[in-house]
Amino acid sequence: MGVRRGLREDGDGRAPGAQELYLGDAIFFFLSAKRAGGRSEKTLDDYRKKLELFQRWLAVRVGGDDAVDALCVSAGPDEVEAYVVHLKEGRGMADSSRKNHLAVLRSFFQTVSRRLGVADPTRALDEVRFHQKAPKRSYLTKREAEVLLSTIEKQVVSPRTGAEQARSVREARKAAVARALAARDHAAFSAMVYAGLRIEETTALGLGDVSFARGEEEVRVLKGKGNKERVVPMNPKLKRSLGRYLKMRGELAAPGQGAPPPPHLFLNEKGARVTENTLRRRLYGWVRKSGLKKVDVKPHDLRRTFGTWFLQANPGHVRELAELMGHSDLSQVMKYALSDEKRARAGVNNL
């Protein structure tokens, strides 16, 4: 169905009032406002999909099966509550996903209420409670991180056997690339664990974004979420991993004759920027190979590991962590303060 391109005008050439505003027009306005505020295209696409899903549901609810849109005024608290129920019973959506959908709806109606005078049905909404299972630990312990990274490191530093040295040039090249890819994985995952980078920030790093100058060792994130820029001091373990990878990066950087060298830090076997999907697949493969009991490790868990470890070592330094991780909302980093199971148990035991 898609949202409309701009607010429609009535026969007099004026923009519609709040009572005449359709959801499609309001969604277009909301997305434009968020884009102007610096939201990434990935975030905007997520907003659009969630809002268009609500738009289609409400159109059918108030206008019948053939309806494609509905007036904003037709969305009241009862409709929003019914939609949340529909997401569970009609679409089988998990509680966490329904919570995300409702959060987008709240943001949408708050924005168009403030800017366009549309009534905000979420303001009068009775509190919607979502059944939440006990949260899973979403970070690695230091032992788990060591097991994972050491598994990768074994392939990086594996000695060349006599049989390998006797291989053909093609086979020797293949083995060298495999070691370089392992070194890349080790450095990329170390950037997430020891610098708190998101996977998209990791793949976007350029050669000039890492500094090894004495006293100025750092990682620069030029375009984080919301186009925020930040600098993270370089952990010694990350420095060693990056340094080793850069020595082996030439095995991957093989530009054609006359072509400029690839500017991105992390490359694939063809010398191009490594993709997020490739790093995800590689991470899942290394987790299986490492034999970790925590098998559901995701790339964002590595970033969460940085946040958790930082607050374990620096209790109460929430604002500093927010700056290091690129969060403008302090509440976004409070979950790291609450995710330390050992400190939580110690606190309960001391009651």
Protein backbone atom coordinates (compact mmCIF):
# COMPACT_ATOMS: atom_id res chain seq x y z
CA MET A 1 0.00 0.00 0.00
CA GLY A 2 2.71 2.49 0.97
CA VAL A 3 2.42 5.94 2.45
CA ARG A 4 1.38 8.98 0.47
CA ARG A 5 3.88 11.44 -0.92
CA GLY A 6 2.97 14.61 0.94
CA LEU A 7 -0.18 15.89 2.63
CA ARG A 8 -3.18 15.94 0.33
CA GLU A 9 -5.07 19.16 -0.25
CA ASP A 10 -8.81 19.64 -0.39
CA GLY A 11 -10.71 21.40 -3.21
CA ASP A 12 -9.72 24.82 -1.86
CA GLY A 13 -6.00 24.00 -2.10
CA ARG A 14 -5.46 23.96 1.65
CA ALA A 15 -3.82 21.21 3.70
CA PRO A 16 -6.27 18.99 5.60
CA GLY A 17 -7.03 19.73 9.23
CA ALA A 18 -6.53 17.25 12.05
CA GLN A 19 -10.04 15.82 11.56
CA GLU A 20 -9.40 15.21 7.85
CA LEU A 21 -5.87 13.81 8.06
CA TYR A 22 -5.36 10.27 6.77
CA LEU A 23 -2.91 7.85 8.36
CA GLY A 24 -0.89 7.55 5.15
CA ASP A 25 -0.26 11.30 5.08
CA ALA A 26 0.57 11.38 8.78
CA ILE A 27 3.02 8.48 8.37
CA PHE A 28 4.77 10.30 5.52
CA PHE A 29 5.05 13.41 7.70
CA PHE A 30 6.38 11.39 10.65
CA LEU A 31 9.05 9.64 8.59
CA SER A 32 10.12 12.94 7.03
CA ALA A 33 10.45 14.50 10.50
CA LYS A 34 12.51 11.57 11.77
CA ARG A 35 14.74 11.67 8.68
CA ALA A 36 15.38 15.36 9.30
CA GLY A 37 16.23 14.47 12.89
CA GLY A 38 19.04 12.18 11.72
CA ARG A 39 17.44 8.74 11.91
CA SER A 40 19.15 6.18 9.70
CA GLU A 41 17.41 4.71 6.65
CA LYS A 42 17.43 1.33 8.36
CA THR A 43 15.54 2.76 11.35
CA LEU A 44 13.13 4.65 9.10
CA ASP A 45 12.38 1.47 7.17
CA ASP A 46 11.56 -0.31 10.42
CA TYR A 47 9.23 2.54 11.44
CA ARG A 48 7.54 2.47 8.04
CA LYS A 49 6.87 -1.28 8.09
CA LYS A 50 5.37 -1.18 11.58
CA LEU A 51 3.20 1.86 10.86
CA GLU A 52 1.97 0.54 7.51
CA LEU A 53 0.98 -2.71 9.22
CA PHE A 54 -1.16 -0.68 11.64
CA GLN A 55 -2.49 1.43 8.73
CA ARG A 56 -3.71 -1.65 6.83
CA TRP A 57 -5.27 -3.21 9.92
CA LEU A 58 -7.14 -0.03 10.90
CA ALA A 59 -8.34 0.60 7.33
CA VAL A 60 -10.00 -2.84 7.18
CA ARG A 61 -11.36 -2.48 10.71
CA VAL A 62 -13.18 0.80 10.06
CA GLY A 63 -13.74 0.64 6.30
CA GLY A 64 -14.10 -3.00 5.33
CA ASP A 65 -11.96 -5.42 3.35
CA ASP A 66 -11.53 -3.11 0.37
CA ALA A 67 -10.37 -0.08 2.38
CA VAL A 68 -6.73 0.97 2.03
CA ASP A 69 -6.51 3.85 4.50
CA ALA A 70 -8.31 5.45 7.42
CA LEU A 71 -8.54 8.86 9.04
CA CYS A 72 -6.26 9.43 12.00
CA VAL A 73 -9.28 10.33 14.15
CA SER A 74 -10.56 6.77 13.74
CA ALA A 75 -7.63 5.53 15.83
CA GLY A 76 -8.69 5.76 19.46
CA PRO A 77 -7.39 4.00 22.60
CA ASP A 78 -9.76 1.08 21.98
CA GLU A 79 -8.39 0.60 18.47
CA VAL A 80 -4.79 0.67 19.65
CA GLU A 81 -5.54 -1.86 22.39
CA ALA A 82 -7.38 -4.09 19.90
CA TYR A 83 -4.40 -3.85 17.53
CA VAL A 84 -1.99 -4.98 20.24
CA VAL A 85 -4.25 -7.99 20.86
CA HIS A 86 -4.39 -8.64 17.10
CA LEU A 87 -0.59 -8.75 16.92
CA LYS A 88 -0.59 -11.60 19.41
CA GLU A 89 -3.70 -13.55 18.45
CA GLY A 90 -3.88 -12.77 14.74
CA ARG A 91 -0.18 -12.73 13.88
CA GLY A 92 1.33 -14.82 16.67
CA MET A 93 3.79 -12.06 17.53
CA ALA A 94 6.04 -12.43 20.56
CA ASP A 95 5.62 -10.07 23.51
CA SER A 96 8.92 -8.32 22.84
CA SER A 97 7.91 -7.62 19.22
CA ARG A 98 4.48 -6.33 20.25
CA LYS A 99 6.18 -4.04 22.75
CA ASN A 100 8.36 -2.63 19.95
CA HIS A 101 5.32 -2.06 17.73
CA LEU A 102 3.53 -0.18 20.50
CA ALA A 103 6.64 1.94 21.15
CA VAL A 104 6.67 3.02 17.48
CA LEU A 105 2.96 3.82 17.61
CA ARG A 106 3.49 5.96 20.73
CA SER A 107 6.31 7.88 19.05
CA PHE A 108 4.23 8.32 15.90
CA PHE A 109 1.13 9.66 17.63
CA GLN A 110 3.14 11.86 19.99
CA THR A 111 4.85 13.48 17.00
CA VAL A 112 1.76 14.06 14.86
CA SER A 113 -0.19 15.22 17.91
CA ARG A 114 2.44 17.83 18.71
CA ARG A 115 3.06 18.93 15.13
CA LEU A 116 -0.29 18.41 13.38
CA GLY A 117 -2.81 18.64 16.20
CA VAL A 118 -3.97 15.02 15.89
CA ALA A 119 -5.36 13.49 19.08
CA ASP A 120 -2.91 11.05 20.68
CA PRO A 121 -4.81 7.83 21.51
CA THR A 122 -1.81 6.37 23.33
CA ARG A 123 -2.00 9.12 25.96
CA ALA A 124 -5.34 7.81 27.23
CA LEU A 125 -4.33 4.19 26.75
CA ASP A 126 -4.60 1.97 29.77
CA GLU A 127 -1.22 0.54 30.67
CA VAL A 128 -0.46 -2.36 28.37
CA ARG A 129 1.42 -5.08 30.18
CA PHE A 130 3.43 -7.65 28.29
CA HIS A 131 4.27 -11.01 29.76
CA GLN A 132 8.03 -11.14 29.91
CA LYS A 133 10.04 -14.27 30.49
CA ALA A 134 13.05 -14.08 32.75
CA PRO A 135 15.67 -12.25 30.66
CA LYS A 136 18.46 -14.32 29.17
CA ARG A 137 22.01 -13.23 29.81
CA SER A 138 22.85 -11.24 26.70
CA TYR A 139 26.59 -10.78 27.22
CA LEU A 140 29.66 -12.98 27.46
CA THR A 141 31.60 -13.66 30.62
CA LYS A 142 35.32 -13.03 30.38
CA ARG A 143 35.90 -16.77 30.25
CA GLU A 144 33.42 -17.18 27.37
CA ALA A 145 34.98 -14.32 25.41
CA GLU A 146 38.42 -15.86 25.94
CA VAL A 147 37.22 -19.26 24.67
CA LEU A 148 35.61 -17.71 21.59
CA LEU A 149 38.52 -15.48 20.63
CA SER A 150 41.17 -18.12 21.37
CA THR A 151 39.34 -20.54 19.06
CA ILE A 152 39.68 -18.01 16.24
CA GLU A 153 43.26 -17.23 17.18
CA LYS A 154 44.32 -20.88 16.81
CA GLN A 155 43.59 -20.71 13.11
CA VAL A 156 45.38 -17.36 12.78
CA VAL A 157 48.63 -18.58 14.31
CA SER A 158 48.47 -22.25 13.29
CA PRO A 159 51.97 -23.33 12.16
CA ARG A 160 52.43 -24.31 8.55
CA THR A 161 53.07 -28.01 8.24
CA GLY A 162 55.47 -29.60 5.80
CA ALA A 163 52.56 -30.89 3.77
CA GLU A 164 51.16 -27.40 3.49
CA GLN A 165 54.49 -25.98 2.39
CA ALA A 166 54.60 -28.57 -0.37
CA ARG A 167 51.19 -27.55 -1.71
CA SER A 168 50.66 -25.83 -5.00
CA VAL A 169 50.74 -22.05 -5.18
CA ARG A 170 46.96 -22.02 -5.41
CA GLU A 171 46.53 -24.14 -2.27
CA ALA A 172 49.09 -22.10 -0.37
CA ARG A 173 47.24 -18.92 -1.34
CA LYS A 174 43.96 -20.43 -0.13
CA ALA A 175 45.48 -21.29 3.25
CA ALA A 176 46.93 -17.78 3.62
CA VAL A 177 43.54 -16.22 2.87
CA ALA A 178 41.89 -18.49 5.44
CA ARG A 179 44.35 -17.29 8.09
CA ALA A 180 43.78 -13.66 7.08
CA LEU A 181 40.00 -14.11 7.32
CA ALA A 182 40.39 -15.58 10.80
CA ALA A 183 42.57 -12.61 11.78
CA ARG A 184 39.89 -10.28 10.41
CA ASP A 185 37.17 -12.05 12.40
CA HIS A 186 39.25 -11.87 15.58
CA ALA A 187 39.84 -8.13 15.12
CA ALA A 188 36.24 -7.36 14.13
CA PHE A 189 34.75 -9.24 17.07
CA SER A 190 37.35 -7.70 19.38
CA ALA A 191 36.18 -4.25 18.20
CA MET A 192 32.68 -5.16 19.34
CA VAL A 193 33.80 -6.64 22.67
CA TYR A 194 36.50 -4.12 23.61
CA ALA A 195 35.15 -0.94 21.96
CA GLY A 196 31.38 -1.55 22.05
CA LEU A 197 30.89 -1.19 18.30
CA ARG A 198 27.68 -2.24 16.56
CA ILE A 199 28.11 -4.68 13.69
CA GLU A 200 27.22 -2.01 11.11
CA GLU A 201 29.75 0.37 12.69
CA THR A 202 32.40 -2.35 12.55
CA THR A 203 31.91 -3.06 8.85
CA ALA A 204 31.92 0.69 8.11
CA LEU A 205 35.33 1.34 9.70
CA GLY A 206 37.96 2.77 7.40
CA LEU A 207 41.71 2.43 7.68
CA GLY A 208 41.91 6.00 8.93
CA ASP A 209 39.43 5.37 11.73
CA VAL A 210 41.92 3.52 13.91
CA SER A 211 44.90 5.32 15.41
CA PHE A 212 47.95 3.58 16.87
CA ALA A 213 49.89 6.76 17.70
CA ARG A 214 51.41 6.50 21.17
CA GLY A 215 49.10 8.05 23.72
CA GLU A 216 46.37 8.46 21.10
CA GLU A 217 45.35 4.84 20.50
CA GLU A 218 41.66 5.06 19.62
CA VAL A 219 38.82 3.92 17.39
CA ARG A 220 36.75 6.63 15.70
CA VAL A 221 33.15 5.91 14.79
CA LEU A 222 32.25 8.59 12.25
CA LYS A 223 28.68 7.53 11.51
CA GLY A 224 27.09 5.68 14.38
CA LYS A 225 23.37 5.23 14.91
CA GLY A 226 21.61 8.53 14.29
CA ASN A 227 24.79 9.77 12.53
CA LYS A 228 26.47 10.33 15.90
CA GLU A 229 30.27 10.50 15.98
CA ARG A 230 32.31 9.21 18.89
CA VAL A 231 35.83 8.16 19.87
CA VAL A 232 36.61 5.06 21.94
CA PRO A 233 40.05 4.56 23.54
CA MET A 234 41.73 1.45 22.15
CA ASN A 235 41.95 -1.45 24.59
CA PRO A 236 45.39 -3.16 24.53
CA LYS A 237 43.84 -6.49 23.50
CA LEU A 238 42.06 -4.79 20.61
CA LYS A 239 45.29 -3.02 19.64
CA ARG A 240 47.15 -6.34 19.41
CA SER A 241 44.36 -7.96 17.40
CA LEU A 242 44.06 -5.06 14.96
CA GLY A 243 47.83 -4.84 14.55
CA ARG A 244 48.08 -8.52 13.65
CA TYR A 245 45.18 -8.28 11.19
CA LEU A 246 46.69 -5.25 9.45
CA LYS A 247 49.88 -7.24 8.84
CA MET A 248 47.79 -9.94 7.14
CA ARG A 249 45.25 -7.66 5.43
CA GLY A 250 47.35 -7.61 2.27
CA GLU A 251 46.28 -11.21 1.63
CA LEU A 252 42.72 -9.88 1.18
CA ALA A 253 43.42 -6.48 -0.40
CA ALA A 254 44.13 -7.40 -3.99
CA PRO A 255 42.96 -4.47 -6.17
CA GLY A 256 43.20 -4.79 -9.92
CA GLN A 257 45.92 -3.07 -11.90
CA GLY A 258 45.53 0.67 -11.52
CA ALA A 259 42.70 0.33 -9.01
CA PRO A 260 42.99 2.29 -5.74
CA PRO A 261 43.57 0.27 -2.56
CA PRO A 262 40.35 -0.59 -0.68
CA PRO A 263 39.62 2.05 1.98
CA HIS A 264 37.65 -0.12 4.37
CA LEU A 265 39.38 -1.74 7.30
CA PHE A 266 37.65 -5.11 7.26
CA LEU A 267 37.65 -6.86 3.89
CA ASN A 268 36.29 -10.07 2.43
CA GLU A 269 38.28 -12.58 0.41
CA LYS A 270 37.70 -10.53 -2.76
CA GLY A 271 39.17 -7.36 -1.30
CA ALA A 272 35.82 -5.61 -0.84
CA ARG A 273 34.17 -4.35 2.33
CA VAL A 274 32.95 -7.27 4.43
CA THR A 275 29.18 -7.36 4.89
CA GLU A 276 27.22 -7.60 8.10
CA ASN A 277 25.69 -10.91 7.02
CA THR A 278 29.12 -12.39 6.43
CA LEU A 279 30.31 -11.41 9.91
CA ARG A 280 27.13 -12.84 11.43
CA ARG A 281 27.60 -16.17 9.69
CA ARG A 282 31.26 -16.27 10.68
CA LEU A 283 30.40 -15.53 14.31
CA TYR A 284 27.83 -18.33 14.45
CA GLY A 285 30.36 -20.71 12.91
CA TRP A 286 33.07 -19.80 15.41
CA VAL A 287 30.64 -20.15 18.34
CA ARG A 288 29.80 -23.70 17.20
CA LYS A 289 33.46 -24.53 16.72
CA SER A 290 34.40 -23.16 20.15
CA GLY A 291 31.94 -25.43 21.95
CA LEU A 292 30.55 -22.59 24.08
CA LYS A 293 27.58 -23.64 26.20
CA LYS A 294 26.05 -20.24 25.44
CA VAL A 295 25.25 -21.11 21.83
CA ASP A 296 22.86 -18.23 21.05
CA VAL A 297 25.55 -15.57 20.77
CA LYS A 298 24.60 -12.71 18.43
CA PRO A 299 26.79 -9.82 17.22
CA HIS A 300 24.94 -7.33 19.45
CA ASP A 301 25.75 -9.52 22.46
CA LEU A 302 29.41 -8.67 21.89
CA ARG A 303 28.57 -4.95 22.13
CA ARG A 304 26.50 -5.64 25.24
CA THR A 305 29.53 -7.42 26.67
CA PHE A 306 31.50 -4.18 26.44
CA GLY A 307 28.76 -2.25 28.28
CA THR A 308 28.44 -4.86 31.01
CA TRP A 309 32.18 -5.20 31.59
CA PHE A 310 32.63 -1.42 31.66
CA LEU A 311 30.09 -0.96 34.46
CA GLN A 312 31.48 -3.94 36.34
CA ALA A 313 34.85 -2.20 36.36
CA ASN A 314 33.43 1.33 36.77
CA PRO A 315 30.24 1.15 38.89
CA GLY A 316 27.98 4.16 38.45
CA HIS A 317 29.79 5.59 35.40
CA VAL A 318 26.66 5.46 33.28
CA ARG A 319 27.17 8.80 31.55
CA GLU A 320 30.69 7.89 30.44
CA LEU A 321 29.43 4.57 29.09
CA ALA A 322 26.63 6.32 27.20
CA GLU A 323 29.21 8.52 25.45
CA LEU A 324 31.45 5.56 24.62
CA MET A 325 28.55 3.56 23.17
CA GLY A 326 26.93 6.46 21.33
CA HIS A 327 23.73 6.68 23.38
CA SER A 328 22.11 10.06 24.02
CA ASP A 329 19.53 8.53 26.39
CA LEU A 330 21.05 7.36 29.67
CA SER A 331 18.21 4.89 30.15
CA GLN A 332 19.59 2.95 27.19
CA VAL A 333 22.69 1.98 29.15
CA MET A 334 21.00 1.28 32.49
CA LYS A 335 20.31 -2.28 31.34
CA TYR A 336 24.02 -2.96 31.50
CA ALA A 337 24.01 -1.95 35.16
CA LEU A 338 21.19 -4.44 35.80
CA SER A 339 22.62 -7.34 33.81
CA ASP A 340 25.46 -8.29 36.12
CA GLU A 341 24.17 -11.45 37.77
CA LYS A 342 27.05 -11.76 40.24
CA ARG A 343 26.57 -8.26 41.64
CA ALA A 344 22.81 -8.79 41.77
CA ARG A 345 23.25 -11.97 43.81
CA ALA A 346 25.75 -10.27 46.12
CA GLY A 347 23.33 -7.40 46.64
CA VAL A 348 20.51 -9.75 47.58
CA ASN A 349 22.73 -11.72 49.91
CA ASN A 350 23.69 -8.52 51.73
CA LEU A 351 20.10 -7.56 52.52
